[in-house]
Each structure stands twice: as structure tokens, then as C-alpha cells.
């Protein structure tokens, strides 16, 4: 896929914290707090119940494909933003309108992976999913966490949970 030159310049400028007016209107509007590969579609996320400001809030975006959900290399991408105690807000780029699953975890030690412990490998860092499904024994189903991003600039809240 060929990426337009203005998009590449836009991504570099955005990574440096600039939002020049010359780039596309949708991207410029979303730029200051969006993470992930730039696109014209994004969703605003509020991650609640963040225990402290250590480390990162890491978001993993999955397509609506059951075989790819929560498996190694199954995601569309993984992106992180600094954690803020209480609530962390940011926007997440999605490739285009459609159904997606979002998994979040608080990477308190900035290791780039979910810390696990115990006999069953239960996460020791807080996790959450789009639609805030009830999690009892094992991970939620893809169907329970799919979120329909119909248009850009939608908002949702994900509650973190510790096990």
C-alpha cells in the first residue's frame, strides 16, 4: 500500500506533538491524543480505575475475527500512552468504520507485556475490554467485547479490573 506523502509527514509531526493545520482535517483534529497507525477514523477512550500513574496504559485493537482474538500476532496493532491515576483518556485510531475489540491493560512496569502469576497465569496487572464484560473464569468472548465504530470521534469507557 502506498501511503500519501502528507500522511507520512503528518505522522511524524504528530509523534512530535505538532498538529499542523495543513494536514487532513480529521487527522489534525484527532492528532493531539490519538495513538496507533494514523487513519481518518478514531474512537475516544476513557480508561477508568487506573490505580496509579506508573507506566503505560496499553491498548490492543483486534478485528472482528474470532481466530485472531487474544492470540499472539492476532491484533491489528498495540499502542500505549502514559498512565494517569484515576482515569486515562486518549483516542485510538481504527483502520475504518467497523466492528473491533479493544483490550486494555495497565503496564505498570512498562515491560511491554502483561505480567502474569500463579498456577493459571492470571494477569497481575489490571485489564479491561471494550463493553466491560463480566469476567469470571477466563477471558471474555469476542462477541461480548465487539464495539461498533460507525463513525469517527465516538466515545466509550473501559473499566480496569484486577484479579
N, C-alpha and C. Protein backbone atom coordinates (compact mmCIF):
# COMPACT_ATOMS: atom_id res chain seq x y z
N UNK A 1 0.84 -1.17 0.00
CA UNK A 1 0.00 0.00 0.00
C UNK A 1 0.89 1.24 0.00
N UNK A 2 0.58 2.17 -0.84
CA UNK A 2 1.32 3.43 -0.91
C UNK A 2 0.65 4.43 0.02
N UNK A 3 1.44 5.00 0.91
CA UNK A 3 0.93 6.00 1.85
C UNK A 3 1.23 7.38 1.29
N UNK A 4 0.19 8.25 1.19
CA UNK A 4 0.43 9.59 0.68
C UNK A 4 1.49 10.31 1.52
N UNK A 5 2.31 11.14 0.82
CA UNK A 5 3.39 11.85 1.47
C UNK A 5 2.89 12.70 2.63
N UNK A 6 1.72 13.36 2.47
CA UNK A 6 1.19 14.21 3.54
C UNK A 6 0.87 13.39 4.77
N UNK A 7 0.49 12.11 4.60
CA UNK A 7 0.20 11.26 5.75
C UNK A 7 1.46 10.94 6.52
N UNK A 8 2.56 10.67 5.80
CA UNK A 8 3.83 10.37 6.46
C UNK A 8 4.32 11.59 7.24
N UNK A 9 4.25 12.75 6.61
CA UNK A 9 4.65 13.98 7.29
C UNK A 9 3.75 14.21 8.49
N UNK A 10 2.46 13.95 8.32
CA UNK A 10 1.50 14.11 9.41
C UNK A 10 1.86 13.21 10.59
N UNK A 11 2.18 11.95 10.31
CA UNK A 11 2.51 11.00 11.39
C UNK A 11 3.76 11.44 12.14
N UNK A 12 4.76 11.93 11.41
CA UNK A 12 5.99 12.40 12.07
C UNK A 12 5.69 13.62 12.92
N UNK A 13 4.95 14.57 12.36
CA UNK A 13 4.61 15.79 13.12
C UNK A 13 3.80 15.44 14.36
N UNK A 14 2.86 14.52 14.22
CA UNK A 14 2.02 14.14 15.35
C UNK A 14 2.83 13.46 16.44
N UNK A 15 3.79 12.64 16.03
CA UNK A 15 4.61 11.95 17.03
C UNK A 15 5.46 12.92 17.82
N UNK A 16 5.73 14.08 17.24
CA UNK A 16 6.50 15.11 17.92
C UNK A 16 5.62 16.08 18.68
N UNK A 17 4.29 15.87 18.61
CA UNK A 17 3.37 16.72 19.36
C UNK A 17 2.85 17.92 18.60
N UNK A 18 3.09 17.97 17.29
CA UNK A 18 2.59 19.08 16.48
C UNK A 18 1.32 18.66 15.76
N UNK A 19 0.42 19.58 15.54
CA UNK A 19 -0.79 19.31 14.78
C UNK A 19 -0.96 20.39 13.73
N UNK A 20 -0.14 20.39 12.68
CA UNK A 20 -0.22 21.44 11.68
C UNK A 20 -1.56 21.47 10.98
N UNK A 21 -2.05 22.65 10.68
CA UNK A 21 -3.35 22.81 10.04
C UNK A 21 -3.34 22.30 8.61
N UNK A 22 -2.17 22.15 8.00
CA UNK A 22 -2.10 21.76 6.60
C UNK A 22 -2.43 20.29 6.37
N UNK A 23 -2.40 19.46 7.40
CA UNK A 23 -2.71 18.05 7.20
C UNK A 23 -4.21 17.88 7.18
N UNK A 24 -4.70 16.69 6.81
CA UNK A 24 -6.14 16.44 6.68
C UNK A 24 -6.91 16.86 7.92
N UNK A 25 -8.10 17.39 7.72
CA UNK A 25 -8.90 17.93 8.81
C UNK A 25 -9.17 16.90 9.90
N UNK A 26 -9.60 15.69 9.53
CA UNK A 26 -9.92 14.68 10.54
C UNK A 26 -8.69 14.30 11.34
N UNK A 27 -7.57 14.07 10.65
CA UNK A 27 -6.36 13.67 11.34
C UNK A 27 -5.85 14.79 12.23
N UNK A 28 -5.88 16.02 11.75
CA UNK A 28 -5.40 17.15 12.55
C UNK A 28 -6.25 17.32 13.79
N UNK A 29 -7.55 17.14 13.66
CA UNK A 29 -8.45 17.28 14.79
C UNK A 29 -8.17 16.23 15.85
N UNK A 30 -7.85 14.99 15.42
CA UNK A 30 -7.65 13.89 16.35
C UNK A 30 -6.23 13.81 16.89
N UNK A 31 -5.31 14.44 16.22
CA UNK A 31 -3.90 14.25 16.47
C UNK A 31 -3.40 14.36 17.89
N UNK A 32 -3.76 15.37 18.67
CA UNK A 32 -3.09 15.58 19.94
C UNK A 32 -3.09 14.39 20.90
N UNK A 33 -4.10 13.56 20.91
CA UNK A 33 -4.14 12.47 21.89
C UNK A 33 -4.36 11.10 21.28
N UNK A 34 -4.30 10.96 19.96
CA UNK A 34 -4.55 9.66 19.34
C UNK A 34 -3.29 8.81 19.31
N UNK A 35 -3.49 7.51 19.43
CA UNK A 35 -2.37 6.56 19.34
C UNK A 35 -2.72 5.51 18.30
N UNK A 36 -1.69 4.89 17.76
CA UNK A 36 -1.86 3.87 16.74
C UNK A 36 -1.60 4.42 15.36
N UNK A 37 -1.61 3.53 14.35
CA UNK A 37 -1.40 3.97 12.97
C UNK A 37 -2.48 4.96 12.54
N UNK A 38 -2.06 6.12 12.05
CA UNK A 38 -2.98 7.19 11.70
C UNK A 38 -3.99 6.76 10.64
N UNK A 39 -5.23 7.20 10.82
CA UNK A 39 -6.30 6.98 9.85
C UNK A 39 -7.30 8.12 10.02
N UNK A 40 -8.35 8.09 9.22
CA UNK A 40 -9.38 9.12 9.33
C UNK A 40 -10.48 8.72 10.30
N UNK A 41 -10.33 7.59 10.98
CA UNK A 41 -11.34 7.11 11.92
C UNK A 41 -10.68 6.84 13.27
N UNK A 42 -11.30 7.32 14.34
CA UNK A 42 -10.77 7.09 15.68
C UNK A 42 -11.91 7.01 16.68
N UNK A 43 -11.59 6.44 17.83
CA UNK A 43 -12.54 6.34 18.93
C UNK A 43 -11.89 6.92 20.18
N UNK A 44 -12.65 7.71 20.92
CA UNK A 44 -12.15 8.30 22.17
C UNK A 44 -12.35 7.30 23.30
N UNK A 45 -11.30 7.02 24.04
CA UNK A 45 -11.36 6.06 25.13
C UNK A 45 -11.11 6.74 26.46
N UNK A 46 -11.90 6.38 27.44
CA UNK A 46 -11.66 6.74 28.84
C UNK A 46 -11.42 5.43 29.57
N UNK A 47 -10.25 5.29 30.15
CA UNK A 47 -9.93 4.07 30.91
C UNK A 47 -10.03 4.44 32.37
N UNK A 48 -11.02 3.86 33.05
CA UNK A 48 -11.30 4.16 34.46
C UNK A 48 -10.66 3.12 35.37
N UNK A 49 -10.53 3.51 36.64
CA UNK A 49 -9.99 2.67 37.71
C UNK A 49 -8.49 2.42 37.55
N UNK A 50 -7.77 3.43 37.05
CA UNK A 50 -6.32 3.34 36.92
C UNK A 50 -5.73 3.57 38.31
N UNK A 51 -5.05 2.59 38.84
CA UNK A 51 -4.59 2.59 40.22
C UNK A 51 -3.53 3.65 40.53
N UNK A 52 -2.64 3.90 39.57
CA UNK A 52 -1.57 4.88 39.78
C UNK A 52 -1.10 5.41 38.44
N UNK A 53 -0.17 6.34 38.48
CA UNK A 53 0.36 6.94 37.24
C UNK A 53 1.66 6.29 36.79
N UNK A 54 1.96 5.12 37.30
CA UNK A 54 3.17 4.40 36.88
C UNK A 54 2.95 3.75 35.53
N UNK A 55 3.95 3.78 34.69
CA UNK A 55 3.91 3.02 33.45
C UNK A 55 2.96 3.53 32.40
N UNK A 56 2.36 2.57 31.69
CA UNK A 56 1.58 2.86 30.50
C UNK A 56 0.21 2.19 30.53
N UNK A 57 -0.72 2.80 29.82
CA UNK A 57 -1.98 2.13 29.50
C UNK A 57 -1.78 1.63 28.08
N UNK A 58 -1.90 0.33 27.89
CA UNK A 58 -1.66 -0.28 26.59
C UNK A 58 -2.96 -0.78 26.01
N UNK A 59 -3.23 -0.38 24.77
CA UNK A 59 -4.44 -0.78 24.05
C UNK A 59 -4.07 -1.72 22.92
N UNK A 60 -4.83 -2.79 22.80
CA UNK A 60 -4.65 -3.73 21.70
C UNK A 60 -5.94 -3.76 20.91
N UNK A 61 -5.85 -3.50 19.61
CA UNK A 61 -7.02 -3.46 18.74
C UNK A 61 -7.10 -4.75 17.95
N UNK A 62 -8.26 -5.42 18.02
CA UNK A 62 -8.48 -6.68 17.31
C UNK A 62 -9.58 -6.52 16.26
N UNK A 63 -9.44 -7.21 15.12
CA UNK A 63 -10.50 -7.20 14.12
C UNK A 63 -11.62 -8.15 14.56
N UNK A 64 -12.72 -8.09 13.86
CA UNK A 64 -13.85 -8.98 14.13
C UNK A 64 -13.58 -10.34 13.49
N UNK A 65 -12.57 -11.02 14.01
CA UNK A 65 -12.19 -12.34 13.52
C UNK A 65 -11.86 -13.22 14.72
N UNK A 66 -12.76 -14.16 15.07
CA UNK A 66 -12.57 -14.99 16.27
C UNK A 66 -11.21 -15.69 16.35
N UNK A 67 -10.65 -16.12 15.24
CA UNK A 67 -9.37 -16.83 15.27
C UNK A 67 -8.21 -15.92 15.67
N UNK A 68 -8.40 -14.60 15.60
CA UNK A 68 -7.31 -13.67 15.91
C UNK A 68 -7.44 -13.05 17.30
N UNK A 69 -8.57 -13.24 17.95
CA UNK A 69 -8.83 -12.57 19.22
C UNK A 69 -7.99 -13.16 20.36
N UNK A 70 -7.20 -12.32 21.00
CA UNK A 70 -6.36 -12.65 22.15
C UNK A 70 -5.31 -13.72 21.87
N UNK A 71 -4.88 -13.83 20.60
CA UNK A 71 -3.81 -14.76 20.28
C UNK A 71 -2.59 -13.97 19.82
N UNK A 72 -1.42 -14.56 20.00
CA UNK A 72 -0.18 -13.91 19.61
C UNK A 72 -0.23 -13.54 18.13
N UNK A 73 0.13 -12.31 17.84
CA UNK A 73 0.13 -11.75 16.48
C UNK A 73 -1.26 -11.68 15.85
N UNK A 74 -2.30 -11.73 16.65
CA UNK A 74 -3.66 -11.67 16.12
C UNK A 74 -4.23 -10.27 16.03
N UNK A 75 -3.59 -9.34 16.71
CA UNK A 75 -4.14 -7.99 16.75
C UNK A 75 -3.79 -7.19 15.50
N UNK A 76 -4.54 -6.11 15.30
CA UNK A 76 -4.21 -5.18 14.23
C UNK A 76 -2.99 -4.37 14.64
N UNK A 77 -2.94 -3.97 15.91
CA UNK A 77 -1.78 -3.29 16.47
C UNK A 77 -1.93 -3.12 17.97
N UNK A 78 -0.80 -2.78 18.61
CA UNK A 78 -0.74 -2.49 20.03
C UNK A 78 -0.12 -1.10 20.17
N UNK A 79 -0.72 -0.26 21.01
CA UNK A 79 -0.19 1.10 21.22
C UNK A 79 -0.36 1.47 22.68
N UNK A 80 0.51 2.34 23.17
CA UNK A 80 0.50 2.71 24.58
C UNK A 80 0.52 4.22 24.76
N UNK A 81 0.04 4.64 25.93
CA UNK A 81 0.05 6.04 26.32
C UNK A 81 0.36 6.09 27.82
N UNK A 82 0.93 7.18 28.32
CA UNK A 82 1.24 7.25 29.75
C UNK A 82 -0.03 7.10 30.62
N UNK A 83 0.11 6.38 31.71
CA UNK A 83 -1.00 6.17 32.65
C UNK A 83 -1.21 7.42 33.51
N UNK A 84 -2.48 7.71 33.80
CA UNK A 84 -2.86 8.78 34.72
C UNK A 84 -3.76 8.17 35.79
N UNK A 85 -3.42 8.39 37.05
CA UNK A 85 -4.19 7.82 38.14
C UNK A 85 -5.66 8.22 38.03
N UNK A 86 -6.54 7.28 38.32
CA UNK A 86 -7.98 7.52 38.24
C UNK A 86 -8.52 7.22 36.86
N UNK A 87 -8.22 8.10 35.91
CA UNK A 87 -8.72 7.93 34.55
C UNK A 87 -7.66 8.37 33.55
N UNK A 88 -7.49 7.57 32.52
CA UNK A 88 -6.59 7.92 31.42
C UNK A 88 -7.44 8.05 30.17
N UNK A 89 -7.35 9.21 29.52
CA UNK A 89 -8.12 9.46 28.29
C UNK A 89 -7.18 9.59 27.11
N UNK A 90 -7.60 9.00 26.00
CA UNK A 90 -6.85 9.13 24.74
C UNK A 90 -7.76 8.69 23.62
N UNK A 91 -7.33 8.92 22.41
CA UNK A 91 -8.10 8.38 21.30
C UNK A 91 -7.24 7.36 20.57
N UNK A 92 -7.92 6.42 19.97
CA UNK A 92 -7.28 5.27 19.32
C UNK A 92 -7.72 5.26 17.86
N UNK A 93 -6.76 5.29 16.96
CA UNK A 93 -7.09 5.19 15.55
C UNK A 93 -7.57 3.77 15.25
N UNK A 94 -8.58 3.65 14.38
CA UNK A 94 -9.01 2.37 13.84
C UNK A 94 -8.93 2.48 12.32
N UNK A 95 -8.69 1.38 11.62
CA UNK A 95 -8.47 1.47 10.18
C UNK A 95 -9.62 2.13 9.40
N UNK A 96 -10.86 1.81 9.78
CA UNK A 96 -12.06 2.33 9.09
C UNK A 96 -13.25 2.00 9.96
N UNK A 97 -14.41 2.58 9.70
CA UNK A 97 -15.58 2.18 10.50
C UNK A 97 -15.79 0.67 10.43
N UNK A 98 -16.25 0.08 11.53
CA UNK A 98 -16.48 -1.36 11.57
C UNK A 98 -16.50 -1.87 13.00
N UNK A 99 -16.55 -3.20 13.13
CA UNK A 99 -16.56 -3.85 14.43
C UNK A 99 -15.15 -4.20 14.87
N UNK A 100 -14.82 -3.81 16.12
CA UNK A 100 -13.50 -4.06 16.67
C UNK A 100 -13.62 -4.49 18.13
N UNK A 101 -12.60 -5.15 18.63
CA UNK A 101 -12.49 -5.46 20.05
C UNK A 101 -11.27 -4.71 20.57
N UNK A 102 -11.39 -4.12 21.75
CA UNK A 102 -10.28 -3.40 22.35
C UNK A 102 -9.97 -4.03 23.70
N UNK A 103 -8.73 -4.43 23.87
CA UNK A 103 -8.25 -4.95 25.15
C UNK A 103 -7.27 -3.92 25.71
N UNK A 104 -7.40 -3.65 27.00
CA UNK A 104 -6.56 -2.64 27.66
C UNK A 104 -5.87 -3.32 28.84
N UNK A 105 -4.63 -2.93 29.11
CA UNK A 105 -4.02 -3.30 30.38
C UNK A 105 -3.12 -2.18 30.88
N UNK A 106 -2.95 -2.13 32.20
CA UNK A 106 -2.10 -1.13 32.82
C UNK A 106 -0.72 -1.75 32.98
N UNK A 107 0.18 -1.40 32.09
CA UNK A 107 1.55 -1.91 32.09
C UNK A 107 2.37 -1.08 33.09
N UNK A 108 2.18 -1.36 34.37
CA UNK A 108 2.76 -0.54 35.43
C UNK A 108 4.29 -0.50 35.39
N UNK A 109 4.92 -1.57 34.92
CA UNK A 109 6.39 -1.59 34.89
C UNK A 109 6.94 -1.29 33.49
N UNK A 110 6.07 -0.88 32.56
CA UNK A 110 6.47 -0.53 31.18
C UNK A 110 7.29 -1.63 30.52
N UNK A 111 6.94 -2.89 30.80
CA UNK A 111 7.68 -4.02 30.24
C UNK A 111 7.25 -4.38 28.83
N UNK A 112 6.11 -3.88 28.39
CA UNK A 112 5.60 -4.20 27.06
C UNK A 112 4.85 -5.51 27.01
N UNK A 113 4.58 -6.11 28.16
CA UNK A 113 3.80 -7.36 28.20
C UNK A 113 3.00 -7.41 29.49
N UNK A 114 1.94 -8.20 29.48
CA UNK A 114 1.10 -8.36 30.66
C UNK A 114 1.82 -9.29 31.62
N UNK A 115 2.03 -8.83 32.84
CA UNK A 115 2.62 -9.69 33.85
C UNK A 115 1.57 -10.68 34.33
N UNK A 116 1.98 -11.92 34.50
CA UNK A 116 1.07 -12.98 34.93
C UNK A 116 1.68 -13.71 36.11
N UNK A 117 0.83 -14.34 36.90
CA UNK A 117 1.32 -15.08 38.05
C UNK A 117 0.40 -16.21 38.42
N UNK A 118 0.82 -16.98 39.37
CA UNK A 118 0.00 -18.08 39.88
C UNK A 118 -0.03 -19.27 38.94
N UNK A 119 -0.74 -20.27 39.38
CA UNK A 119 -0.84 -21.54 38.67
C UNK A 119 -1.48 -21.41 37.29
N UNK A 120 -2.45 -20.51 37.15
CA UNK A 120 -3.20 -20.40 35.90
C UNK A 120 -2.76 -19.24 35.02
N UNK A 121 -1.71 -18.54 35.39
CA UNK A 121 -1.23 -17.43 34.58
C UNK A 121 -2.18 -16.25 34.54
N UNK A 122 -2.84 -16.00 35.66
CA UNK A 122 -3.79 -14.90 35.74
C UNK A 122 -3.02 -13.57 35.71
N UNK A 123 -3.52 -12.59 34.95
CA UNK A 123 -2.81 -11.30 34.89
C UNK A 123 -2.68 -10.67 36.29
N UNK A 124 -1.48 -10.16 36.58
CA UNK A 124 -1.26 -9.46 37.85
C UNK A 124 -1.35 -7.95 37.66
N UNK A 125 -1.50 -7.52 36.41
CA UNK A 125 -1.73 -6.11 36.11
C UNK A 125 -3.20 -5.97 35.70
N UNK A 126 -3.79 -4.81 35.97
CA UNK A 126 -5.20 -4.58 35.68
C UNK A 126 -5.47 -4.67 34.18
N UNK A 127 -6.61 -5.26 33.83
CA UNK A 127 -7.02 -5.42 32.44
C UNK A 127 -8.46 -4.95 32.27
N UNK A 128 -8.83 -4.68 31.03
CA UNK A 128 -10.20 -4.29 30.71
C UNK A 128 -10.46 -4.51 29.23
N UNK A 129 -11.73 -4.55 28.88
CA UNK A 129 -12.13 -4.79 27.49
C UNK A 129 -13.26 -3.85 27.11
N UNK A 130 -13.37 -3.57 25.81
CA UNK A 130 -14.50 -2.78 25.33
C UNK A 130 -15.79 -3.48 25.75
N UNK A 131 -16.80 -2.71 26.05
CA UNK A 131 -18.12 -3.17 26.54
C UNK A 131 -18.09 -3.65 27.98
N UNK A 132 -16.95 -3.63 28.64
CA UNK A 132 -16.84 -4.01 30.05
C UNK A 132 -17.58 -5.30 30.39
N UNK A 133 -17.23 -6.42 29.73
CA UNK A 133 -17.92 -7.69 30.01
C UNK A 133 -17.60 -8.18 31.42
N UNK A 134 -18.49 -9.00 31.96
CA UNK A 134 -18.22 -9.65 33.23
C UNK A 134 -17.19 -10.75 32.97
N UNK A 135 -16.12 -10.71 33.73
CA UNK A 135 -15.05 -11.70 33.55
C UNK A 135 -14.99 -12.55 34.82
N UNK A 136 -15.31 -13.82 34.69
CA UNK A 136 -15.29 -14.71 35.85
C UNK A 136 -14.16 -15.73 35.74
N UNK A 137 -14.29 -16.62 34.78
CA UNK A 137 -13.30 -17.69 34.60
C UNK A 137 -12.78 -17.64 33.17
N UNK A 138 -11.64 -17.05 33.00
CA UNK A 138 -11.05 -16.95 31.67
C UNK A 138 -11.43 -15.67 30.96
N UNK A 139 -10.86 -15.48 29.80
CA UNK A 139 -11.09 -14.25 29.05
C UNK A 139 -12.51 -14.19 28.47
N UNK A 140 -12.97 -12.99 28.14
CA UNK A 140 -14.31 -12.85 27.56
C UNK A 140 -14.34 -13.35 26.11
N UNK A 141 -15.51 -13.55 25.58
CA UNK A 141 -15.66 -13.94 24.17
C UNK A 141 -15.50 -12.70 23.29
N UNK A 142 -15.12 -12.91 22.06
CA UNK A 142 -15.02 -11.81 21.12
C UNK A 142 -16.36 -11.10 20.99
N UNK A 143 -17.41 -11.87 20.87
CA UNK A 143 -18.75 -11.28 20.68
C UNK A 143 -19.11 -10.33 21.81
N UNK A 144 -18.69 -10.65 23.04
CA UNK A 144 -19.05 -9.80 24.18
C UNK A 144 -18.28 -8.49 24.24
N UNK A 145 -17.20 -8.37 23.49
CA UNK A 145 -16.38 -7.16 23.55
C UNK A 145 -16.36 -6.35 22.26
N UNK A 146 -17.04 -6.83 21.24
CA UNK A 146 -17.05 -6.08 19.98
C UNK A 146 -17.74 -4.74 20.15
N UNK A 147 -17.13 -3.72 19.60
CA UNK A 147 -17.69 -2.37 19.63
C UNK A 147 -17.84 -1.92 18.18
N UNK A 148 -19.00 -1.34 17.87
CA UNK A 148 -19.30 -0.90 16.52
C UNK A 148 -18.88 0.56 16.36
N UNK A 149 -17.78 0.77 15.69
CA UNK A 149 -17.31 2.13 15.42
C UNK A 149 -17.94 2.53 14.09
N UNK A 150 -19.07 3.23 14.18
CA UNK A 150 -19.82 3.61 12.99
C UNK A 150 -19.28 4.87 12.33
N UNK A 151 -18.68 5.74 13.14
CA UNK A 151 -18.15 7.00 12.61
C UNK A 151 -17.02 7.46 13.52
N UNK A 152 -16.25 8.37 13.04
CA UNK A 152 -15.12 8.88 13.81
C UNK A 152 -15.60 9.68 15.01
N UNK A 153 -14.75 9.73 16.03
CA UNK A 153 -14.97 10.54 17.23
C UNK A 153 -16.04 10.00 18.18
N UNK A 154 -16.37 8.71 18.10
CA UNK A 154 -17.24 8.10 19.10
C UNK A 154 -16.47 8.00 20.40
N UNK A 155 -17.17 7.78 21.52
CA UNK A 155 -16.53 7.66 22.82
C UNK A 155 -17.02 6.42 23.55
N UNK A 156 -16.14 5.83 24.35
CA UNK A 156 -16.51 4.71 25.20
C UNK A 156 -15.60 4.69 26.42
N UNK A 157 -16.07 4.03 27.47
CA UNK A 157 -15.30 3.91 28.70
C UNK A 157 -15.00 2.44 28.95
N UNK A 158 -13.76 2.17 29.33
CA UNK A 158 -13.34 0.82 29.68
C UNK A 158 -12.87 0.84 31.13
N UNK A 159 -13.44 -0.05 31.94
CA UNK A 159 -13.08 -0.15 33.36
C UNK A 159 -12.00 -1.21 33.55
N UNK A 160 -10.92 -0.84 34.21
CA UNK A 160 -9.88 -1.82 34.51
C UNK A 160 -10.31 -2.68 35.69
N UNK A 161 -9.84 -3.91 35.68
CA UNK A 161 -10.16 -4.86 36.75
C UNK A 161 -8.88 -5.61 37.12
N UNK A 162 -8.69 -5.78 38.41
CA UNK A 162 -7.56 -6.58 38.92
C UNK A 162 -8.13 -7.91 39.41
N UNK A 163 -7.36 -8.97 39.22
CA UNK A 163 -7.81 -10.31 39.64
C UNK A 163 -7.05 -10.76 40.86
